[in-house]
Amino acid sequence: MDLAQSLSIVKAGSPSKGPGTVLCLGAHADDIEIGCGGTLLRLLQDAPDLRVYWHVLSAPGPREREARCSAEAWLRGAGHSRVAISQFRESYFPDQWAAIKDQMETIRADCEPDVVFTHRRDDLHQDHRVVCELTWNAFRHHTILEYALPKYDGDLGRPNLYVGLDEPTGRRKVTGLMQHFETQTARHWFTEDTFFGLLRLRGIECGGPTRYAEAFYARKLVV
């Protein structure tokens, strides 16, 4: 079963009509691409009429330009897309809880997604946790898939849903990350081998026919 078929099954129990709709939420400029970028590329390949709503909650200074350029490149094949960038103070999301909750309610009123991609609830980064908690608060009747990000906390965990990626798709993801986020390339972890390594590790974990994969936490699924 390809990813488009999987999405159609999810959509069958959803109130939305017409082409499938996906919402991507990220605390920071590159989170969506790192967390679920390969899966989005697969979805767009399998379902070119897909509607994608993409919201980054913090992208200060040159990071906003990077976020917009990257999202535009990622969503080039979408049937419809909308990219929004908010400017909440990075690393201080818990202190901005009420304002971020209001923003999440605005996002909720703007779309009826079949699938929501967001941060992992057990992520040790405070911004990521706030986004995840408010995602579940706003989208109570939706399929939510949580992604994990590599960082020094070592909190990747044990996911329970995997999406296999062929090598060209994995390479497109990594190439896009290195191309669009120049401000991050000085960071010791923001390297090709980090991203390929994680894709390869998830590929091993899922035991599928492809070498690479992305992984998610599906905490609640209603069939």
Protein backbone atom coordinates (compact mmCIF):
# COMPACT_ATOMS: atom_id res chain seq x y z
CA MET A 1 0.00 0.00 0.00
CA ASP A 2 1.51 3.37 -0.99
CA LEU A 3 1.33 6.50 1.09
CA ALA A 4 -1.45 8.01 -1.00
CA GLN A 5 -3.65 4.98 -0.30
CA SER A 6 -2.81 5.23 3.38
CA LEU A 7 -3.82 8.88 3.41
CA SER A 8 -7.11 8.05 1.65
CA ILE A 9 -7.92 5.52 4.37
CA VAL A 10 -7.22 8.11 7.05
CA LYS A 11 -9.32 10.61 5.15
CA ALA A 12 -12.28 8.23 4.95
CA GLY A 13 -12.86 8.81 8.65
CA SER A 14 -12.26 12.54 8.41
CA PRO A 15 -14.79 15.36 8.04
CA SER A 16 -12.80 16.94 5.19
CA LYS A 17 -13.84 16.48 1.55
CA GLY A 18 -11.95 16.61 -1.72
CA PRO A 19 -8.16 16.28 -1.93
CA GLY A 20 -6.28 15.23 1.19
CA THR A 21 -5.16 17.97 3.58
CA VAL A 22 -2.01 17.94 5.70
CA LEU A 23 -1.00 20.40 8.41
CA CYS A 24 2.70 20.71 9.33
CA LEU A 25 3.65 22.47 12.55
CA GLY A 26 7.19 23.38 13.61
CA ALA A 27 8.53 25.45 16.46
CA HIS A 28 11.58 26.58 14.48
CA ALA A 29 12.54 27.22 10.87
CA ASP A 30 13.94 23.78 9.97
CA ASP A 31 11.94 21.50 12.28
CA ILE A 32 9.32 20.40 9.76
CA GLU A 33 11.90 19.53 7.10
CA ILE A 34 14.06 17.55 9.55
CA GLY A 35 11.15 15.83 11.26
CA CYS A 36 8.89 14.86 8.35
CA GLY A 37 10.43 16.31 5.18
CA GLY A 38 10.92 12.97 3.45
CA THR A 39 7.39 11.83 4.25
CA LEU A 40 6.01 15.06 2.77
CA LEU A 41 8.01 14.51 -0.40
CA ARG A 42 6.51 11.01 -0.67
CA LEU A 43 3.01 12.28 -0.06
CA LEU A 44 3.37 14.96 -2.71
CA GLN A 45 4.73 12.42 -5.17
CA ASP A 46 1.86 10.00 -4.55
CA ALA A 47 -0.90 12.61 -4.25
CA PRO A 48 -0.04 15.71 -6.33
CA ASP A 49 -3.40 17.34 -5.54
CA LEU A 50 -2.56 17.36 -1.82
CA ARG A 51 -3.32 20.51 0.16
CA VAL A 52 -0.59 21.44 2.65
CA TYR A 53 -0.75 24.03 5.42
CA TRP A 54 2.73 24.80 6.82
CA HIS A 55 3.20 26.87 9.96
CA VAL A 56 6.50 27.80 11.64
CA LEU A 57 6.07 29.49 15.01
CA SER A 58 9.52 31.09 15.40
CA ALA A 59 11.93 32.22 12.69
CA PRO A 60 13.81 35.39 13.72
CA GLY A 61 15.92 37.48 11.36
CA PRO A 62 17.37 35.59 8.39
CA ARG A 63 15.69 32.42 9.60
CA GLU A 64 12.36 33.68 8.25
CA ARG A 65 13.75 33.96 4.73
CA GLU A 66 15.25 30.48 5.04
CA ALA A 67 11.96 29.05 6.30
CA ARG A 68 9.95 30.58 3.46
CA CYS A 69 12.39 29.58 0.73
CA SER A 70 12.62 26.04 2.04
CA ALA A 71 8.85 25.65 2.37
CA GLU A 72 8.35 26.99 -1.15
CA ALA A 73 10.82 24.46 -2.55
CA TRP A 74 9.36 21.58 -0.54
CA LEU A 75 5.79 22.33 -1.54
CA ARG A 76 6.39 23.02 -5.22
CA GLY A 77 4.36 19.97 -6.23
CA ALA A 78 1.38 20.58 -3.94
CA GLY A 79 -2.09 21.16 -5.36
CA HIS A 80 -2.53 23.95 -2.82
CA SER A 81 -0.23 25.24 -0.10
CA ARG A 82 -0.21 27.98 2.49
CA VAL A 83 2.93 28.93 4.44
CA ALA A 84 2.75 31.07 7.59
CA ILE A 85 5.57 32.23 9.85
CA SER A 86 4.96 33.53 13.37
CA GLN A 87 7.52 35.39 15.47
CA PHE A 88 7.25 33.98 18.97
CA ARG A 89 10.41 34.34 21.01
CA GLU A 90 12.61 31.30 20.45
CA SER A 91 13.40 29.19 23.53
CA TYR A 92 10.73 30.98 25.60
CA PHE A 93 7.57 29.24 24.41
CA PRO A 94 6.36 28.23 27.92
CA ASP A 95 6.20 31.91 28.87
CA GLN A 96 4.16 32.64 25.73
CA TRP A 97 1.67 29.83 26.26
CA ALA A 98 -1.50 31.94 26.01
CA ALA A 99 -0.42 33.74 22.83
CA ILE A 100 0.69 30.51 21.17
CA LYS A 101 -2.59 28.84 22.16
CA ASP A 102 -4.48 31.70 20.50
CA GLN A 103 -2.35 31.25 17.38
CA MET A 104 -3.04 27.52 17.37
CA GLU A 105 -6.77 28.19 17.55
CA THR A 106 -6.43 30.50 14.54
CA ILE A 107 -4.62 27.74 12.65
CA ARG A 108 -7.36 25.30 13.66
CA ALA A 109 -10.05 27.60 12.30
CA ASP A 110 -8.18 27.95 9.01
CA CYS A 111 -8.02 24.29 7.95
CA GLU A 112 -9.51 20.84 8.45
CA PRO A 113 -6.50 18.50 8.13
CA ASP A 114 -6.60 14.76 7.60
CA VAL A 115 -3.16 14.44 9.18
CA VAL A 116 -1.25 16.78 11.49
CA PHE A 117 2.54 16.54 11.78
CA THR A 118 3.92 18.08 14.96
CA HIS A 119 6.64 17.72 17.58
CA ARG A 120 6.96 14.81 19.96
CA ARG A 121 5.30 15.19 23.35
CA ASP A 122 8.35 13.84 25.20
CA ASP A 123 10.84 16.09 23.42
CA LEU A 124 13.13 17.72 26.01
CA HIS A 125 13.19 21.05 24.15
CA GLN A 126 10.65 23.30 25.85
CA ASP A 127 9.48 24.96 22.61
CA HIS A 128 8.82 21.60 20.99
CA ARG A 129 6.79 20.34 23.94
CA VAL A 130 4.58 23.43 23.98
CA VAL A 131 3.80 23.05 20.27
CA CYS A 132 2.91 19.39 20.73
CA GLU A 133 0.71 19.95 23.77
CA LEU A 134 -1.21 22.75 22.09
CA THR A 135 -1.55 20.69 18.91
CA TRP A 136 -3.38 17.99 20.86
CA ASN A 137 -5.44 20.66 22.59
CA ALA A 138 -6.59 22.25 19.32
CA PHE A 139 -6.90 19.16 17.09
CA ARG A 140 -8.82 16.72 19.26
CA HIS A 141 -10.55 14.80 16.45
CA HIS A 142 -7.65 14.46 14.03
CA THR A 143 -4.87 12.05 13.23
CA ILE A 144 -1.70 13.48 14.79
CA LEU A 145 1.75 12.11 14.02
CA GLU A 146 4.62 13.33 16.18
CA TYR A 147 8.15 13.55 14.81
CA ALA A 148 11.42 13.46 16.76
CA LEU A 149 14.49 15.62 16.08
CA PRO A 150 18.15 14.71 16.61
CA LYS A 151 19.90 16.78 19.26
CA TYR A 152 22.21 16.45 22.24
CA ASP A 153 19.40 15.44 24.64
CA GLY A 154 19.36 11.93 23.16
CA ASP A 155 15.56 11.74 23.28
CA LEU A 156 14.70 10.15 19.94
CA GLY A 157 12.82 7.39 21.78
CA ARG A 158 11.04 4.37 20.28
CA PRO A 159 8.56 5.39 17.57
CA ASN A 160 5.74 3.13 16.39
CA LEU A 161 5.01 4.32 12.84
CA TYR A 162 7.53 4.28 9.99
CA VAL A 163 7.48 5.65 6.45
CA GLY A 164 9.98 4.04 4.09
CA LEU A 165 11.90 6.34 1.75
CA ASP A 166 13.80 5.41 -1.37
CA GLU A 167 17.32 6.77 -1.80
CA PRO A 168 16.40 9.62 -4.20
CA THR A 169 13.78 10.91 -1.74
CA GLY A 170 16.18 10.69 1.18
CA ARG A 171 18.80 12.54 -0.83
CA ARG A 172 16.30 15.25 -1.81
CA LYS A 173 15.52 15.79 1.85
CA VAL A 174 19.14 16.08 2.94
CA THR A 175 20.13 18.23 -0.04
CA GLY A 176 17.23 20.57 0.68
CA LEU A 177 18.24 20.95 4.32
CA MET A 178 21.83 21.79 3.46
CA GLN A 179 20.80 24.15 0.68
CA HIS A 180 18.18 26.22 2.48
CA PHE A 181 19.51 26.58 6.03
CA GLU A 182 22.91 28.21 5.66
CA THR A 183 22.67 29.85 9.10
CA GLN A 184 22.69 26.38 10.68
CA THR A 185 25.63 24.82 8.87
CA ALA A 186 28.10 26.10 11.48
CA ARG A 187 26.37 23.97 14.12
CA HIS A 188 28.27 20.76 14.76
CA TRP A 189 25.17 18.58 14.39
CA PHE A 190 23.74 20.15 11.23
CA THR A 191 25.54 17.94 8.73
CA GLU A 192 24.66 15.56 5.93
CA ASP A 193 25.86 12.55 7.87
CA THR A 194 23.54 13.42 10.78
CA PHE A 195 20.49 13.42 8.55
CA PHE A 196 21.49 10.43 6.44
CA GLY A 197 22.46 8.56 9.60
CA LEU A 198 19.04 9.09 11.16
CA LEU A 199 17.25 8.10 7.95
CA ARG A 200 19.37 4.95 7.79
CA LEU A 201 18.79 4.10 11.46
CA ARG A 202 15.04 4.41 11.03
CA GLY A 203 15.29 2.29 7.91
CA ILE A 204 16.98 -0.45 9.92
CA GLU A 205 14.39 -0.19 12.69
CA CYS A 206 11.40 -0.56 10.40
CA GLY A 207 12.86 -3.56 8.57
CA GLY A 208 11.24 -2.49 5.33
CA PRO A 209 12.44 -2.91 1.75
CA THR A 210 14.05 0.55 1.62
CA ARG A 211 17.33 1.60 3.23
CA TYR A 212 15.87 4.83 4.61
CA ALA A 213 12.81 5.79 6.63
CA GLU A 214 11.28 8.46 8.81
CA ALA A 215 9.59 7.58 12.08
CA PHE A 216 6.66 8.98 14.04
CA TYR A 217 4.73 8.54 17.25
CA ALA A 218 1.09 7.67 16.59
CA ARG A 219 -0.33 7.97 20.11
CA LYS A 220 -3.98 7.65 19.13
CA LEU A 221 -5.50 6.28 15.94
CA VAL A 222 -9.24 5.89 15.36
CA VAL A 223 -10.33 3.55 12.56
